[in-house]
Amino acid sequence: MKGKIHSIETCGTVDGPGIRYIVFTQGCPLRCKYCHNPDTWKMQDGQDADTEDLIQDIVKYKSFMQFSKGGVTISGGEPFLQPEFIKDLLEKCKANNLHTAIDTSGFVSIEKADPVLDFVDLVLLDIKCYNPESFKTLTGVPLEPTLQFAQHLAKRNIPIWLRYVLVPGLTDVQEDIEQLAKFLATFPNIERLDILPFHKMGEYKWEQLGYTYELTDTLEPTQVEVNKAREIFLKYNLPVH
């Protein structure tokens, strides 16, 4: 099965448990203002890949992944833009007894995602913001599909690692964080919640691509600001790391 990918990382340690082989797929329907990989947005900018070639390379690292209780993570871009491609790759990974994870925005068609989820052990879910207006401003798309996808993962009891990027002036409103924490507190399948401080390491890519980066003057959050968000999530007994 052929698809479009952006890049590969063979020994990642931050996109799921253990040492992981990470496939970054090409194409994304979101246009997040803080995106550090805007070069993944357009499908035509990717490189051709075949799942058979990928799995042959993946199994070379199998001993490292299994020793560290790691596995394979499909990231992006947005992996679910290529559901048949990633399903085929994940199916091959499971046939090789490898742990599988998908990093997604949740802005997906549940109907198309469901067959893929049959081969997924863990979902790294990014909920950018809980305020619908702020979410639309930040990403260019509506919030509701992401919330529906999260609820669907709960129904299927698929473990979630939740990621929340803290952006001063956009996603640091305490009332919005509180509402998100209340929403997440009802989920039995959230294994971990990471607060990711906003950074501007991808700003140069926007300039190279001729895009306007709107957050040039936005400061990175202080540790005090991160701790405030952390305390809100902890108040609802969420597994903050």
Foldseek 3Di string as FASTA:
>chain_A
DKAFFADWDQFDPPQWFFTEIETAGAAAPWDFLQDLPPCRHDRVSTDMDALVVVLVVNVVCVVRQVVRVHFYEYEYNAVLVPLVRLLVNLVSRVVVVGAYEYEHQLLHDCVSCVSSCVSHQEYEYEQAWQDQVLSCVRIVDGRVSSLVSVVVCLVVLRAYEYEYEDFPPRHLDLVRLLVVLVSCLVGPRYPEYEYHWRDRNSVVVCVVVVHDNPCPVTDTDDVVSVVSSVVSNVVSVHHYD
